[in-house]
C-alpha atoms as a PDB file:
ATOM      1  CA  MET A   1       0.024  -0.094  -0.035  1.00  0.00           C
ATOM      2  CA  ALA A   2       1.478   3.316  -1.069  1.00  0.00           C
ATOM      3  CA  GLN A   3      -0.435   5.813   1.150  1.00  0.00           C
ATOM      4  CA  VAL A   4      -3.105   5.610   3.890  1.00  0.00           C
ATOM      5  CA  THR A   5      -5.390   8.674   4.072  1.00  0.00           C
ATOM      6  CA  VAL A   6      -7.938   9.148   6.902  1.00  0.00           C
ATOM      7  CA  SER A   7     -10.640  11.821   6.501  1.00  0.00           C
ATOM      8  CA  THR A   8     -11.519  13.472   9.731  1.00  0.00           C
ATOM      9  CA  ASN A   9     -13.006  16.517  11.415  1.00  0.00           C
ATOM     10  CA  GLY A  10      -9.797  16.472  13.575  1.00  0.00           C
ATOM     11  CA  LEU A  11     -11.472  16.658  16.978  1.00  0.00           C
ATOM     12  CA  ARG A  12     -10.185  13.407  18.244  1.00  0.00           C
ATOM     13  CA  LEU A  13      -6.662  14.026  16.873  1.00  0.00           C
ATOM     14  CA  LEU A  14      -6.681  17.262  18.683  1.00  0.00           C
ATOM     15  CA  GLU A  15      -7.272  15.551  21.996  1.00  0.00           C
ATOM     16  CA  ASP A  16      -5.477  12.190  21.545  1.00  0.00           C
ATOM     17  CA  PRO A  17      -1.689  12.375  21.381  1.00  0.00           C
ATOM     18  CA  MET A  18      -1.543   8.603  21.131  1.00  0.00           C
ATOM     19  CA  LEU A  19      -3.769   8.599  18.056  1.00  0.00           C
ATOM     20  CA  ARG A  20      -1.435  11.147  16.456  1.00  0.00           C
ATOM     21  CA  ASP A  21       1.479   8.860  17.273  1.00  0.00           C
ATOM     22  CA  VAL A  22      -0.197   6.189  15.264  1.00  0.00           C
ATOM     23  CA  PHE A  23      -0.501   8.512  12.278  1.00  0.00           C
ATOM     24  CA  ALA A  24       3.137   9.575  12.650  1.00  0.00           C
ATOM     25  CA  GLU A  25       4.521   6.046  13.057  1.00  0.00           C
ATOM     26  CA  ASN A  26       2.675   4.751  10.021  1.00  0.00           C
ATOM     27  CA  GLY A  27       2.989   7.767   7.733  1.00  0.00           C
ATOM     28  CA  ALA A  28      -0.754   8.194   7.433  1.00  0.00           C
ATOM     29  CA  LEU A  29      -2.096  11.383   5.853  1.00  0.00           C
ATOM     30  CA  VAL A  30      -4.711  13.377   7.697  1.00  0.00           C
ATOM     31  CA  ALA A  31      -7.318  14.575   5.303  1.00  0.00           C
ATOM     32  CA  LEU A  32      -8.824  17.446   7.404  1.00  0.00           C
ATOM     33  CA  GLN A  33     -12.386  18.648   6.750  1.00  0.00           C
ATOM     34  CA  PHE A  34     -11.675  22.416   6.391  1.00  0.00           C
ATOM     35  CA  ASP A  35     -14.683  23.930   4.770  1.00  0.00           C
ATOM     36  CA  SER A  36     -14.482  27.550   5.863  1.00  0.00           C
ATOM     37  CA  MET A  37     -12.617  30.081   8.023  1.00  0.00           C
ATOM     38  CA  ARG A  38     -16.019  31.383   9.209  1.00  0.00           C
ATOM     39  CA  ASP A  39     -17.689  29.735  12.146  1.00  0.00           C
ATOM     40  CA  GLU A  40     -21.172  30.429  10.775  1.00  0.00           C
ATOM     41  CA  ASP A  41     -20.354  28.464   7.615  1.00  0.00           C
ATOM     42  CA  ASN A  42     -19.006  25.578   9.707  1.00  0.00           C
ATOM     43  CA  ARG A  43     -22.159  25.564  11.723  1.00  0.00           C
ATOM     44  CA  ILE A  44     -24.225  25.174   8.577  1.00  0.00           C
ATOM     45  CA  LEU A  45     -21.995  22.597   6.935  1.00  0.00           C
ATOM     46  CA  ARG A  46     -20.768  20.612  10.033  1.00  0.00           C
ATOM     47  CA  GLY A  47     -23.252  21.571  12.819  1.00  0.00           C
ATOM     48  CA  ARG A  48     -20.764  23.293  14.983  1.00  0.00           C
ATOM     49  CA  ALA A  49     -18.121  26.088  15.066  1.00  0.00           C
ATOM     50  CA  MET A  50     -14.730  24.433  14.467  1.00  0.00           C
ATOM     51  CA  TYR A  51     -12.306  27.003  13.153  1.00  0.00           C
ATOM     52  CA  GLN A  52     -10.310  27.389  16.459  1.00  0.00           C
ATOM     53  CA  GLN A  53      -9.999  23.682  17.028  1.00  0.00           C
ATOM     54  CA  ARG A  54      -8.872  23.078  13.403  1.00  0.00           C
ATOM     55  CA  MET A  55      -6.205  25.835  13.632  1.00  0.00           C
ATOM     56  CA  ALA A  56      -4.939  24.295  16.943  1.00  0.00           C
ATOM     57  CA  LEU A  57      -4.747  20.955  15.314  1.00  0.00           C
ATOM     58  CA  LEU A  58      -2.810  22.322  12.335  1.00  0.00           C
ATOM     59  CA  GLU A  59      -0.192  23.680  14.598  1.00  0.00           C
ATOM     60  CA  ILE A  60       0.124  20.293  16.322  1.00  0.00           C
ATOM     61  CA  LEU A  61       0.390  18.446  13.028  1.00  0.00           C
ATOM     62  CA  GLU A  62       3.045  20.813  11.830  1.00  0.00           C
ATOM     63  CA  LYS A  63       4.947  20.493  15.100  1.00  0.00           C
ATOM     64  CA  GLU A  64       4.822  16.651  15.087  1.00  0.00           C
ATOM     65  CA  ALA A  65       5.470  16.510  11.305  1.00  0.00           C
ATOM     66  CA  ILE A  66       2.283  14.545  10.499  1.00  0.00           C
ATOM     67  CA  PRO A  67       1.282  15.129   6.922  1.00  0.00           C
ATOM     68  CA  TYR A  68      -2.098  16.551   6.110  1.00  0.00           C
ATOM     69  CA  SER A  69      -4.296  17.799   3.332  1.00  0.00           C
ATOM     70  CA  PHE A  70      -7.580  19.705   3.276  1.00  0.00           C
ATOM     71  CA  VAL A  71     -10.994  18.431   2.268  1.00  0.00           C
ATOM     72  CA  ALA A  72     -13.861  20.928   1.632  1.00  0.00           C
ATOM     73  CA  THR A  73     -17.517  20.623   1.193  1.00  0.00           C
ATOM     74  CA  ILE A  74     -18.831  22.940  -1.539  1.00  0.00           C
ATOM     75  CA  ALA A  75     -22.376  24.221  -0.993  1.00  0.00           C
ATOM     76  CA  ARG A  76     -24.502  26.573  -3.127  1.00  0.00           C
ATOM     77  CA  GLY A  77     -25.238  29.490  -1.030  1.00  0.00           C
END
């Protein structure tokens, strides 16, 4: 297998260092749901404001050298 990618909203990764260790040890790519920088859009698309948590997770992923990409939901609006 060339690459493992896991799509996630990132909340568990933010709170669980052991889970991040699994990603780092196995070279798994975090496909982070990142729909908007505006919390009102996130509430519509994901049911809650998540911008601050996502930004905190990005800092951690960078610090721990865990690869990531962004996945966005596109909505007519």
